[in-house]
Amino acid sequence: MNPNQLDLKGLTRRHFFEQAFGTVAGISLGSIALSTLMEETGYAAVVPSLITGVPKAKRIIYLQMAGGPPHVDLFDYKPTLKKYDGTDAPESLYKGQRFAFITGVPKMGASPFSFKQYGQSGAWFSEVWPNLSKHADDLTFLKGMQTTQFNHGPAQIYASTGHQIAGRPAFGSWLSYGIGSENKDLPAYVVLLSGNANPDGGAACWGSGFLPTVNQGVPFQKRGDPINFVSNAPGVSAETRRRSIDLINRLNEGNLKKGGDPETLTRIEQFELAYRMQTSVPELTDISKEPANVLERYSAVPGEASYGNNALLARRMLEHGVRFVHLIHRNWDMHGGTAAQDVYNKCYENCRQIDGPTAALITDLKERGMFDDTLIIWAGEFGRTPMRQGISGGSTARYFGRDHHPKGYTIWMAGGGIKPGITYGATDEWGYWAVEGRTNPLDVFATAINQLGIDHEKFTYKFQGRPYRLTFGAVEAGRVIKEILA
């Protein structure tokens, strides 16, 4: 980042911070979110050389379906599977291939669900999407997705950070660092968890990596206080808490002057943000004030932990200036062997929880005039095999599972300047290999950053002597998927 390229108004302040902290850890401006360097109104000032044009999106919501949704049972209709259901898979689908659990010669497995086309786009949806299918012409499908990872933890971390090994900044952390928050009383990056467990990748899915820790995702709790310790302890008044924070900040400021460690500045900022959130967060997370018809639309019940509650919370947070909401639903693993772990029951159960609230989120954003400048991403870390795995009850049993499958799967995007009602990419007749319009998580990141008006190739952070970027992985680099841009 060249200070000579910055606007004159921001130059003096930025120059000061560079002189004060810029030589520590090669951070330059990074120890402070750009929004707090400027006036905290609208977009934070981004270096002009990063801007590619007028931003099409102001905010992002990432609906991460942890566990691996089976694309051939949800969106990727494959009649060939029905024709060859229960027969031995062709050698081309398993010989020399690496699987998480499948061994020997697997059987092909047709979807247990019926499929129909919806909307003018003619997009395919299985029967488990009665509500989302009504938005067929709002969605853009990427059906040639591939990933380099086939185990849940590394694949979820890769789908969150662009690298399979824990320690890199998450997608939302990059955006928090680059454009900050629109609301000084809320974090730029919020994480909402639902499902039967937390993601296998754990906190690495929303960590700040080598970015300042103020940029890490803030996970909201499923029950109790939305954020740990957001409430004052019994007998501790707001005035007492304020005096305590002031004392801690004075001590930290003294350490900052002596050592110049930007993490000390981060701690000061985090204490201040935490104090402000004591007022803003309880009100924001109180969904009981929503109209009854809105609660019903989301299947949201105040006080409960659910995907529906989180989808409604996500809309409220986006309205209040949170830049990146990361909603993670962990319940998509379905290896079969028992009825509880099979494709049929798992898809029905997940979509019972997800279908209505996701459709409600799209409707809600439209009604509030926010859909066009909010980018929605719905994605798992990989798909699932068209071959059966974990069969219970014989080779023709209705209840079976599917193994992990990184070689071809489906995600969708909506809003935020994405061309609606189209399908880009395709898998082969089995739903196994991505054969057209191949894309990967890094491409999705690059496209999302592009829609925010930032050149993803110039959006870098210097660490350990070299520049890093979100869209440059271990073996590949991301590209903007121009074919899906409006």
Protein backbone atom coordinates (compact mmCIF):
# COMPACT_ATOMS: atom_id res chain seq x y z
CA MET A 1 0.00 0.00 0.00
CA ASN A 2 1.56 3.24 -1.11
CA PRO A 3 0.70 6.20 1.18
CA ASN A 4 1.20 8.56 -1.76
CA GLN A 5 -1.91 7.08 -3.35
CA LEU A 6 -4.15 7.91 -0.41
CA ASP A 7 -6.49 10.86 -0.21
CA LEU A 8 -5.06 13.89 1.55
CA LYS A 9 -7.68 13.78 4.31
CA GLY A 10 -6.60 10.32 5.42
CA LEU A 11 -2.91 10.78 4.77
CA THR A 12 -1.94 12.58 7.97
CA ARG A 13 -3.68 10.12 10.25
CA ARG A 14 -2.46 7.10 8.32
CA HIS A 15 1.08 8.48 8.24
CA PHE A 16 0.93 8.87 12.01
CA PHE A 17 -0.14 5.26 12.54
CA GLU A 18 2.50 4.02 10.12
CA GLN A 19 5.18 5.94 11.97
CA ALA A 20 3.90 4.77 15.36
CA PHE A 21 3.31 1.11 14.61
CA GLY A 22 4.17 0.38 11.00
CA THR A 23 7.59 -1.18 11.57
CA VAL A 24 6.23 -3.79 13.97
CA ALA A 25 5.56 -7.18 12.34
CA GLY A 26 5.41 -5.56 8.91
CA ILE A 27 1.86 -4.48 9.61
CA SER A 28 1.68 -0.97 8.15
CA LEU A 29 -1.97 0.10 8.59
CA GLY A 30 -3.25 -3.31 9.56
CA SER A 31 -3.29 -2.93 13.33
CA ILE A 32 -6.42 -0.85 13.06
CA ALA A 33 -9.46 -1.60 10.91
CA LEU A 34 -9.67 0.91 8.10
CA SER A 35 -13.12 2.03 9.17
CA THR A 36 -11.80 3.31 12.50
CA LEU A 37 -9.07 5.30 10.74
CA MET A 38 -11.69 7.23 8.84
CA GLU A 39 -15.07 8.56 9.92
CA GLU A 40 -16.79 5.18 10.41
CA THR A 41 -19.47 6.11 7.91
CA GLY A 42 -20.45 3.70 5.17
CA TYR A 43 -17.49 2.13 3.47
CA ALA A 44 -14.14 2.53 5.10
CA ALA A 45 -11.69 4.28 2.83
CA VAL A 46 -9.86 1.64 0.81
CA VAL A 47 -6.63 2.33 -1.01
CA PRO A 48 -7.72 3.66 -4.45
CA SER A 49 -5.56 1.15 -6.31
CA LEU A 50 -7.71 -1.65 -4.83
CA ILE A 51 -10.95 -0.30 -6.25
CA THR A 52 -12.17 -1.94 -9.44
CA GLY A 53 -15.35 0.09 -9.79
CA VAL A 54 -18.55 0.87 -7.96
CA PRO A 55 -19.17 -1.84 -5.33
CA LYS A 56 -22.17 -4.05 -6.12
CA ALA A 57 -22.33 -5.45 -2.59
CA LYS A 58 -21.99 -3.81 0.83
CA ARG A 59 -22.17 -6.93 2.96
CA ILE A 60 -21.90 -10.72 2.80
CA ILE A 61 -23.71 -13.59 4.48
CA TYR A 62 -21.98 -16.95 4.15
CA LEU A 63 -24.33 -19.88 4.81
CA GLN A 64 -21.78 -22.64 5.36
CA MET A 65 -23.32 -26.12 5.33
CA ALA A 66 -20.73 -28.07 7.29
CA GLY A 67 -20.58 -31.81 6.70
CA GLY A 68 -20.96 -31.99 2.93
CA PRO A 69 -24.44 -31.57 1.40
CA PRO A 70 -25.10 -34.25 -1.27
CA HIS A 71 -25.45 -32.28 -4.51
CA VAL A 72 -27.09 -35.19 -6.38
CA ASP A 73 -29.90 -35.24 -3.79
CA LEU A 74 -30.46 -31.49 -3.62
CA PHE A 75 -29.82 -29.59 -6.87
CA ASP A 76 -27.85 -31.69 -9.37
CA TYR A 77 -30.46 -33.92 -11.01
CA LYS A 78 -28.95 -37.07 -12.54
CA PRO A 79 -31.45 -39.43 -14.27
CA THR A 80 -28.57 -41.78 -15.10
CA LEU A 81 -28.27 -42.64 -11.42
CA LYS A 82 -31.85 -43.89 -11.37
CA LYS A 83 -31.19 -46.07 -14.42
CA TYR A 84 -28.15 -47.71 -12.82
CA ASP A 85 -29.27 -47.61 -9.18
CA GLY A 86 -27.79 -50.49 -7.19
CA THR A 87 -25.42 -51.64 -9.95
CA ASP A 88 -21.63 -51.79 -9.68
CA ALA A 89 -19.99 -48.43 -10.29
CA PRO A 90 -17.88 -48.11 -13.46
CA GLU A 91 -14.15 -48.48 -12.80
CA SER A 92 -13.62 -44.90 -13.99
CA LEU A 93 -15.37 -43.71 -10.82
CA TYR A 94 -13.33 -45.62 -8.27
CA LYS A 95 -10.19 -47.23 -9.71
CA GLY A 96 -7.15 -45.30 -8.53
CA GLN A 97 -9.35 -42.81 -6.66
CA ARG A 98 -9.00 -41.90 -3.02
CA PHE A 99 -12.03 -42.00 -0.72
CA ALA A 100 -12.57 -41.31 2.94
CA PHE A 101 -14.38 -44.62 3.62
CA ILE A 102 -15.47 -46.40 0.43
CA THR A 103 -13.56 -49.59 -0.34
CA GLY A 104 -13.92 -52.29 -2.99
CA VAL A 105 -16.48 -51.92 -5.77
CA PRO A 106 -19.23 -49.53 -4.65
CA LYS A 107 -22.82 -49.53 -5.89
CA MET A 108 -24.38 -46.56 -7.65
CA GLY A 109 -27.08 -44.81 -5.66
CA ALA A 110 -29.98 -42.88 -7.17
CA SER A 111 -31.47 -40.06 -5.16
CA PRO A 112 -34.46 -41.13 -3.07
CA PHE A 113 -36.11 -37.80 -3.91
CA SER A 114 -38.12 -36.57 -6.86
CA PHE A 115 -36.87 -33.52 -8.79
CA LYS A 116 -38.71 -30.71 -10.59
CA GLN A 117 -37.72 -27.61 -12.51
CA TYR A 118 -38.79 -24.21 -11.16
CA GLY A 119 -39.04 -20.64 -12.38
CA GLN A 120 -38.23 -19.21 -15.77
CA SER A 121 -34.68 -20.42 -15.27
CA GLY A 122 -35.81 -24.04 -15.08
CA ALA A 123 -33.47 -24.73 -12.17
CA TRP A 124 -33.67 -28.22 -10.70
CA PHE A 125 -34.66 -28.69 -7.06
CA SER A 126 -35.42 -31.90 -5.21
CA GLU A 127 -38.61 -32.21 -3.21
CA VAL A 128 -36.86 -31.25 0.03
CA TRP A 129 -36.82 -27.56 -1.04
CA PRO A 130 -40.52 -26.53 -1.14
CA ASN A 131 -39.73 -22.92 -0.13
CA LEU A 132 -36.30 -22.20 -1.58
CA SER A 133 -37.46 -23.50 -4.98
CA LYS A 134 -39.81 -20.50 -5.17
CA HIS A 135 -36.68 -18.34 -5.42
CA ALA A 136 -35.25 -20.30 -8.34
CA ASP A 137 -34.89 -17.16 -10.44
CA ASP A 138 -32.99 -15.36 -7.67
CA LEU A 139 -30.25 -17.97 -7.34
CA THR A 140 -27.09 -18.59 -9.34
CA PHE A 141 -25.83 -22.17 -9.22
CA LEU A 142 -22.19 -23.18 -9.53
CA LYS A 143 -22.37 -26.89 -10.40
CA GLY A 144 -18.73 -27.42 -11.36
CA MET A 145 -17.26 -26.78 -7.91
CA GLN A 146 -14.16 -28.68 -6.83
CA THR A 147 -11.94 -28.61 -3.77
CA THR A 148 -8.53 -30.02 -2.89
CA GLN A 149 -9.66 -31.53 0.45
CA PHE A 150 -11.83 -34.53 1.27
CA ASN A 151 -11.78 -34.66 5.08
CA HIS A 152 -14.18 -32.40 6.96
CA GLY A 153 -11.78 -30.38 9.13
CA PRO A 154 -9.26 -29.39 6.44
CA ALA A 155 -12.03 -28.92 3.86
CA GLN A 156 -14.03 -26.61 6.13
CA ILE A 157 -10.93 -24.60 6.98
CA TYR A 158 -10.09 -24.40 3.26
CA ALA A 159 -13.64 -23.24 2.46
CA SER A 160 -13.30 -20.57 5.16
CA THR A 161 -9.69 -19.39 4.75
CA GLY A 162 -8.45 -20.56 1.35
CA HIS A 163 -5.89 -22.87 2.96
CA GLN A 164 -6.37 -26.31 4.48
CA ILE A 165 -4.04 -25.82 7.43
CA ALA A 166 -5.28 -23.88 10.43
CA GLY A 167 -3.69 -20.49 11.00
CA ARG A 168 -4.71 -18.42 7.99
CA PRO A 169 -7.21 -15.53 8.30
CA ALA A 170 -10.83 -16.40 7.57
CA PHE A 171 -12.73 -14.79 4.71
CA GLY A 172 -14.65 -12.57 7.11
CA SER A 173 -11.44 -11.55 8.89
CA TRP A 174 -9.97 -10.31 5.62
CA LEU A 175 -13.05 -8.18 5.04
CA SER A 176 -13.04 -6.91 8.62
CA TYR A 177 -9.42 -5.87 8.11
CA GLY A 178 -10.06 -4.31 4.71
CA ILE A 179 -13.34 -2.45 5.08
CA GLY A 180 -14.18 -2.57 8.78
CA SER A 181 -17.67 -2.26 10.25
CA GLU A 182 -20.42 0.21 9.47
CA ASN A 183 -21.38 0.24 13.16
CA LYS A 184 -18.82 1.21 15.79
CA ASP A 185 -20.84 -0.67 18.43
CA LEU A 186 -20.72 -4.03 16.66
CA PRO A 187 -17.96 -6.22 15.24
CA ALA A 188 -17.50 -6.36 11.49
CA TYR A 189 -17.50 -10.17 11.50
CA VAL A 190 -20.04 -12.28 13.41
CA VAL A 191 -20.34 -16.08 13.57
CA LEU A 192 -23.62 -17.91 14.23
CA LEU A 193 -23.60 -21.68 14.89
CA SER A 194 -26.39 -24.24 14.55
CA GLY A 195 -26.81 -27.95 13.93
CA ASN A 196 -25.82 -31.02 15.90
CA ALA A 197 -22.22 -29.91 16.56
CA ASN A 198 -19.72 -27.17 15.93
CA PRO A 199 -17.74 -27.42 12.67
CA ASP A 200 -14.90 -29.95 12.53
CA GLY A 201 -12.50 -27.14 11.64
CA GLY A 202 -13.38 -25.39 14.91
CA ALA A 203 -12.42 -21.78 15.57
CA ALA A 204 -9.91 -21.92 12.71
CA CYS A 205 -12.93 -21.38 10.45
CA TRP A 206 -13.33 -17.85 11.80
CA GLY A 207 -9.91 -17.03 13.21
CA SER A 208 -7.89 -13.97 12.24
CA GLY A 209 -4.66 -15.90 11.59
CA PHE A 210 -1.79 -13.47 11.14
CA LEU A 211 -4.13 -10.47 10.90
CA PRO A 212 -4.69 -8.39 14.05
CA THR A 213 -6.92 -10.34 16.42
CA VAL A 214 -9.53 -7.58 16.39
CA ASN A 215 -10.46 -8.96 12.96
CA GLN A 216 -11.38 -12.46 14.10
CA GLY A 217 -15.01 -13.57 13.92
CA VAL A 218 -17.08 -13.06 17.06
CA PRO A 219 -19.09 -16.23 17.73
CA PHE A 220 -22.50 -15.67 19.28
CA GLN A 221 -23.56 -18.34 21.78
CA LYS A 222 -26.46 -20.69 21.13
CA ARG A 223 -27.93 -20.15 24.61
CA GLY A 224 -27.54 -17.73 27.49
CA ASP A 225 -25.64 -14.51 26.89
CA PRO A 226 -25.21 -14.05 23.14
CA ILE A 227 -21.53 -13.32 23.81
CA ASN A 228 -19.68 -14.65 26.83
CA PHE A 229 -19.51 -12.12 29.67
CA VAL A 230 -21.50 -9.48 27.77
CA SER A 231 -23.58 -9.07 30.94
CA ASN A 232 -22.07 -7.52 34.02
CA ALA A 233 -21.43 -9.92 36.89
CA PRO A 234 -23.86 -9.73 39.84
CA GLY A 235 -23.11 -6.65 41.91
CA VAL A 236 -21.06 -4.99 39.16
CA SER A 237 -22.63 -1.81 37.80
CA ALA A 238 -22.04 -0.28 34.39
CA GLU A 239 -20.13 2.54 36.08
CA THR A 240 -17.82 0.05 37.83
CA ARG A 241 -17.23 -1.79 34.56
CA ARG A 242 -16.40 1.52 32.84
CA ARG A 243 -13.85 2.46 35.52
CA SER A 244 -12.27 -1.00 35.29
CA ILE A 245 -11.91 -0.74 31.52
CA ASP A 246 -10.47 2.77 31.79
CA LEU A 247 -7.82 1.51 34.24
CA ILE A 248 -6.96 -1.48 32.03
CA ASN A 249 -6.72 0.76 28.98
CA ARG A 250 -4.35 3.17 30.76
CA LEU A 251 -2.10 0.24 31.64
CA ASN A 252 -2.25 -1.04 28.06
CA GLU A 253 -1.49 2.43 26.71
CA GLY A 254 1.60 2.51 28.87
CA ASN A 255 2.70 -0.85 27.47
CA LEU A 256 1.97 0.38 23.97
CA LYS A 257 4.26 3.38 24.36
CA LYS A 258 7.06 1.17 25.64
CA GLY A 259 6.80 -1.77 23.26
CA GLY A 260 4.84 -0.53 20.25
CA ASP A 261 3.15 -3.94 19.89
CA PRO A 262 0.04 -3.49 17.69
CA GLU A 263 -1.64 -6.35 19.57
CA THR A 264 -1.73 -4.06 22.61
CA LEU A 265 -3.66 -1.56 20.52
CA THR A 266 -5.96 -4.41 19.50
CA ARG A 267 -6.63 -5.23 23.16
CA ILE A 268 -7.56 -1.61 23.86
CA GLU A 269 -9.92 -1.59 20.92
CA GLN A 270 -11.46 -4.91 21.94
CA PHE A 271 -12.14 -3.71 25.48
CA GLU A 272 -13.86 -0.62 24.12
CA LEU A 273 -15.89 -2.61 21.61
CA ALA A 274 -16.89 -5.12 24.31
CA TYR A 275 -18.15 -2.29 26.51
CA ARG A 276 -20.21 -0.80 23.70
CA MET A 277 -21.60 -4.24 22.83
CA GLN A 278 -23.01 -4.57 26.34
CA THR A 279 -25.68 -2.12 25.22
CA SER A 280 -26.01 -2.92 21.54
CA VAL A 281 -25.90 -6.74 21.51
CA PRO A 282 -28.75 -7.64 23.91
CA GLU A 283 -31.13 -5.39 22.02
CA LEU A 284 -29.94 -6.66 18.65
CA THR A 285 -30.32 -10.32 19.59
CA ASP A 286 -33.78 -9.94 21.14
CA ILE A 287 -35.87 -11.37 18.31
CA SER A 288 -39.01 -11.41 20.47
CA LYS A 289 -39.73 -7.88 19.24
CA GLU A 290 -40.07 -9.10 15.66
CA PRO A 291 -43.66 -9.30 14.29
CA ALA A 292 -45.35 -12.67 14.69
CA ASN A 293 -45.54 -13.20 10.93
CA VAL A 294 -41.77 -12.69 10.61
CA LEU A 295 -41.04 -15.18 13.40
CA GLU A 296 -43.34 -17.67 11.72
CA ARG A 297 -41.68 -17.12 8.35
CA TYR A 298 -38.29 -17.99 9.82
CA SER A 299 -39.63 -20.73 12.13
CA ALA A 300 -37.88 -18.72 14.81
CA VAL A 301 -38.68 -19.17 18.50
CA PRO A 302 -37.17 -16.62 20.91
CA GLY A 303 -34.81 -18.24 23.37
CA GLU A 304 -34.20 -21.37 21.29
CA ALA A 305 -31.06 -22.33 19.39
CA SER A 306 -31.83 -23.00 15.73
CA TYR A 307 -30.89 -22.22 12.15
CA GLY A 308 -34.15 -20.25 11.85
CA ASN A 309 -33.25 -18.02 14.80
CA ASN A 310 -29.76 -17.51 13.37
CA ALA A 311 -31.07 -16.62 9.90
CA LEU A 312 -33.29 -13.96 11.46
CA LEU A 313 -30.41 -12.73 13.63
CA ALA A 314 -28.27 -12.55 10.50
CA ARG A 315 -30.76 -10.22 8.81
CA ARG A 316 -30.89 -8.01 11.92
CA MET A 317 -27.09 -7.84 12.08
CA LEU A 318 -26.75 -6.97 8.41
CA GLU A 319 -29.31 -4.21 8.94
CA HIS A 320 -27.20 -2.83 11.80
CA GLY A 321 -23.96 -2.62 9.83
CA VAL A 322 -22.24 -5.95 10.39
CA ARG A 323 -20.25 -6.55 7.19
CA PHE A 324 -19.89 -10.32 7.29
CA VAL A 325 -22.22 -12.83 8.93
CA HIS A 326 -20.92 -16.40 8.91
CA LEU A 327 -23.78 -18.80 9.62
CA ILE A 328 -22.47 -22.37 10.05
CA HIS A 329 -24.90 -25.30 10.16
CA ARG A 330 -23.19 -28.59 11.06
CA ASN A 331 -25.33 -31.68 10.37
CA TRP A 332 -24.69 -32.75 6.78
CA ASP A 333 -22.48 -35.80 7.33
CA MET A 334 -24.35 -38.88 6.08
CA HIS A 335 -22.33 -42.06 5.71
CA GLY A 336 -25.26 -44.43 6.18
CA GLY A 337 -25.23 -47.70 8.03
CA THR A 338 -28.19 -46.59 10.17
CA ALA A 339 -31.43 -44.79 9.37
CA ALA A 340 -30.25 -41.79 11.41
CA GLN A 341 -27.15 -41.41 9.22
CA ASP A 342 -28.68 -41.99 5.80
CA VAL A 343 -29.28 -39.67 2.87
CA TYR A 344 -33.06 -39.80 3.06
CA ASN A 345 -33.48 -38.82 6.71
CA LYS A 346 -30.53 -36.45 6.93
CA CYS A 347 -31.59 -34.42 3.87
CA TYR A 348 -35.17 -34.18 5.04
CA GLU A 349 -34.14 -33.16 8.55
CA ASN A 350 -31.62 -30.55 7.43
CA CYS A 351 -33.89 -29.04 4.82
CA ARG A 352 -36.76 -28.99 7.31
CA GLN A 353 -34.56 -26.68 9.37
CA ILE A 354 -32.94 -24.73 6.52
CA ASP A 355 -35.37 -24.46 3.62
CA GLY A 356 -37.97 -22.10 5.10
CA PRO A 357 -35.59 -19.77 6.97
CA THR A 358 -33.27 -19.42 3.96
CA ALA A 359 -36.21 -18.53 1.72
CA ALA A 360 -37.43 -16.15 4.43
CA LEU A 361 -34.03 -14.44 4.54
CA ILE A 362 -34.14 -13.79 0.80
CA THR A 363 -37.72 -12.48 1.04
CA ASP A 364 -36.86 -10.32 4.03
CA LEU A 365 -33.83 -8.76 2.37
CA LYS A 366 -35.93 -8.00 -0.71
CA GLU A 367 -38.66 -6.35 1.34
CA ARG A 368 -36.09 -4.16 3.07
CA GLY A 369 -34.34 -3.17 -0.14
CA MET A 370 -31.16 -4.99 0.92
CA PHE A 371 -31.10 -8.00 -1.40
CA ASP A 372 -29.40 -6.31 -4.33
CA ASP A 373 -26.41 -5.14 -2.26
CA THR A 374 -26.14 -8.20 0.00
CA LEU A 375 -24.18 -11.15 -1.36
CA ILE A 376 -25.46 -14.52 -0.15
CA ILE A 377 -23.24 -17.60 -0.48
CA TRP A 378 -24.61 -21.10 0.29
CA ALA A 379 -21.91 -23.76 0.25
CA GLY A 380 -20.62 -26.93 1.84
CA GLU A 381 -16.97 -27.91 2.07
CA PHE A 382 -17.51 -30.60 -0.59
CA GLY A 383 -20.28 -32.75 -2.08
CA ARG A 384 -21.02 -36.45 -1.66
CA THR A 385 -20.45 -39.43 -3.91
CA PRO A 386 -23.05 -40.70 -6.38
CA MET A 387 -22.04 -44.16 -5.12
CA ARG A 388 -23.62 -45.66 -2.03
CA GLN A 389 -21.75 -46.07 1.22
CA GLY A 390 -22.75 -47.56 4.57
CA ILE A 391 -25.68 -49.55 3.14
CA SER A 392 -28.21 -50.91 5.63
CA GLY A 393 -30.68 -53.57 4.56
CA GLY A 394 -29.11 -54.81 1.32
CA SER A 395 -28.00 -53.34 -1.99
CA THR A 396 -31.50 -52.07 -2.87
CA ALA A 397 -32.24 -50.52 0.52
CA ARG A 398 -33.82 -47.09 0.56
CA TYR A 399 -31.60 -45.96 3.41
CA PHE A 400 -27.94 -45.53 2.51
CA GLY A 401 -25.16 -43.00 2.88
CA ARG A 402 -22.67 -41.26 0.63
CA ASP A 403 -18.94 -40.67 1.08
CA HIS A 404 -17.05 -37.35 0.89
CA HIS A 405 -16.69 -36.03 -2.63
CA PRO A 406 -14.42 -33.10 -3.62
CA LYS A 407 -14.33 -33.70 -7.40
CA GLY A 408 -17.63 -32.08 -8.32
CA TYR A 409 -20.38 -30.48 -6.26
CA THR A 410 -22.88 -27.60 -6.17
CA ILE A 411 -23.13 -24.29 -4.34
CA TRP A 412 -25.26 -21.24 -5.01
CA MET A 413 -24.95 -17.48 -4.72
CA ALA A 414 -27.54 -14.72 -4.80
CA GLY A 415 -27.84 -10.92 -4.67
CA GLY A 416 -24.82 -8.63 -4.57
CA GLY A 417 -24.62 -8.03 -8.32
CA ILE A 418 -24.61 -11.72 -9.25
CA LYS A 419 -26.54 -12.62 -12.42
CA PRO A 420 -29.73 -14.29 -11.17
CA GLY A 421 -31.45 -17.38 -12.47
CA ILE A 422 -28.50 -19.06 -14.19
CA THR A 423 -26.48 -22.24 -13.78
CA TYR A 424 -22.75 -22.18 -14.44
CA GLY A 425 -20.72 -25.36 -14.67
CA ALA A 426 -21.77 -29.00 -14.67
CA THR A 427 -20.79 -32.46 -13.52
CA ASP A 428 -20.82 -35.57 -15.71
CA GLU A 429 -23.86 -37.84 -16.11
CA TRP A 430 -23.08 -39.50 -12.76
CA GLY A 431 -22.58 -36.28 -10.80
CA TYR A 432 -18.98 -37.37 -10.17
CA TRP A 433 -16.51 -35.22 -12.12
CA ALA A 434 -16.86 -31.48 -12.69
CA VAL A 435 -16.64 -31.32 -16.49
CA GLU A 436 -17.75 -27.77 -17.33
CA GLY A 437 -17.19 -24.38 -15.72
CA ARG A 438 -14.89 -25.71 -13.02
CA THR A 439 -14.67 -23.44 -9.98
CA ASN A 440 -13.29 -23.69 -6.45
CA PRO A 441 -13.56 -21.86 -3.10
CA LEU A 442 -10.79 -19.42 -4.05
CA ASP A 443 -12.80 -18.39 -7.12
CA VAL A 444 -15.80 -17.77 -4.87
CA PHE A 445 -13.68 -15.58 -2.59
CA ALA A 446 -12.27 -13.64 -5.55
CA THR A 447 -15.76 -13.08 -6.96
CA ALA A 448 -17.14 -11.92 -3.62
CA ILE A 449 -14.25 -9.50 -3.06
CA ASN A 450 -14.74 -8.20 -6.59
CA GLN A 451 -18.39 -7.47 -5.83
CA LEU A 452 -17.26 -5.39 -2.86
CA GLY A 453 -15.31 -3.25 -5.30
CA ILE A 454 -11.85 -4.55 -4.37
CA ASP A 455 -9.16 -5.98 -6.63
CA HIS A 456 -8.54 -9.33 -4.95
CA GLU A 457 -5.02 -9.65 -6.40
CA LYS A 458 -3.94 -6.40 -4.74
CA PHE A 459 -5.74 -7.08 -1.45
CA THR A 460 -2.69 -8.35 0.43
CA TYR A 461 -1.13 -8.37 3.88
CA LYS A 462 2.59 -8.61 4.53
CA PHE A 463 3.55 -11.34 6.98
CA GLN A 464 6.96 -12.90 7.65
CA GLY A 465 8.51 -10.89 4.86
CA ARG A 466 6.11 -11.62 2.01
CA PRO A 467 2.62 -10.56 0.95
CA TYR A 468 -0.27 -12.97 1.46
CA ARG A 469 -3.74 -12.83 -0.01
CA LEU A 470 -6.94 -14.77 0.55
CA THR A 471 -7.24 -15.89 -3.05
CA PHE A 472 -3.82 -17.47 -3.45
CA GLY A 473 -3.72 -21.05 -2.16
CA ALA A 474 -1.12 -23.77 -1.89
CA VAL A 475 -1.61 -25.08 -5.44
CA GLU A 476 -3.91 -22.64 -7.19
CA ALA A 477 -5.05 -19.03 -7.39
CA GLY A 478 -8.60 -17.78 -7.44
CA ARG A 479 -10.21 -15.94 -10.32
CA VAL A 480 -13.28 -13.73 -10.56
CA ILE A 481 -16.07 -15.81 -12.10
CA LYS A 482 -17.04 -13.16 -14.64
CA GLU A 483 -19.56 -15.49 -16.29
CA ILE A 484 -21.94 -15.05 -13.35
CA LEU A 485 -21.67 -11.28 -12.89
CA ALA A 486 -24.67 -9.14 -13.78
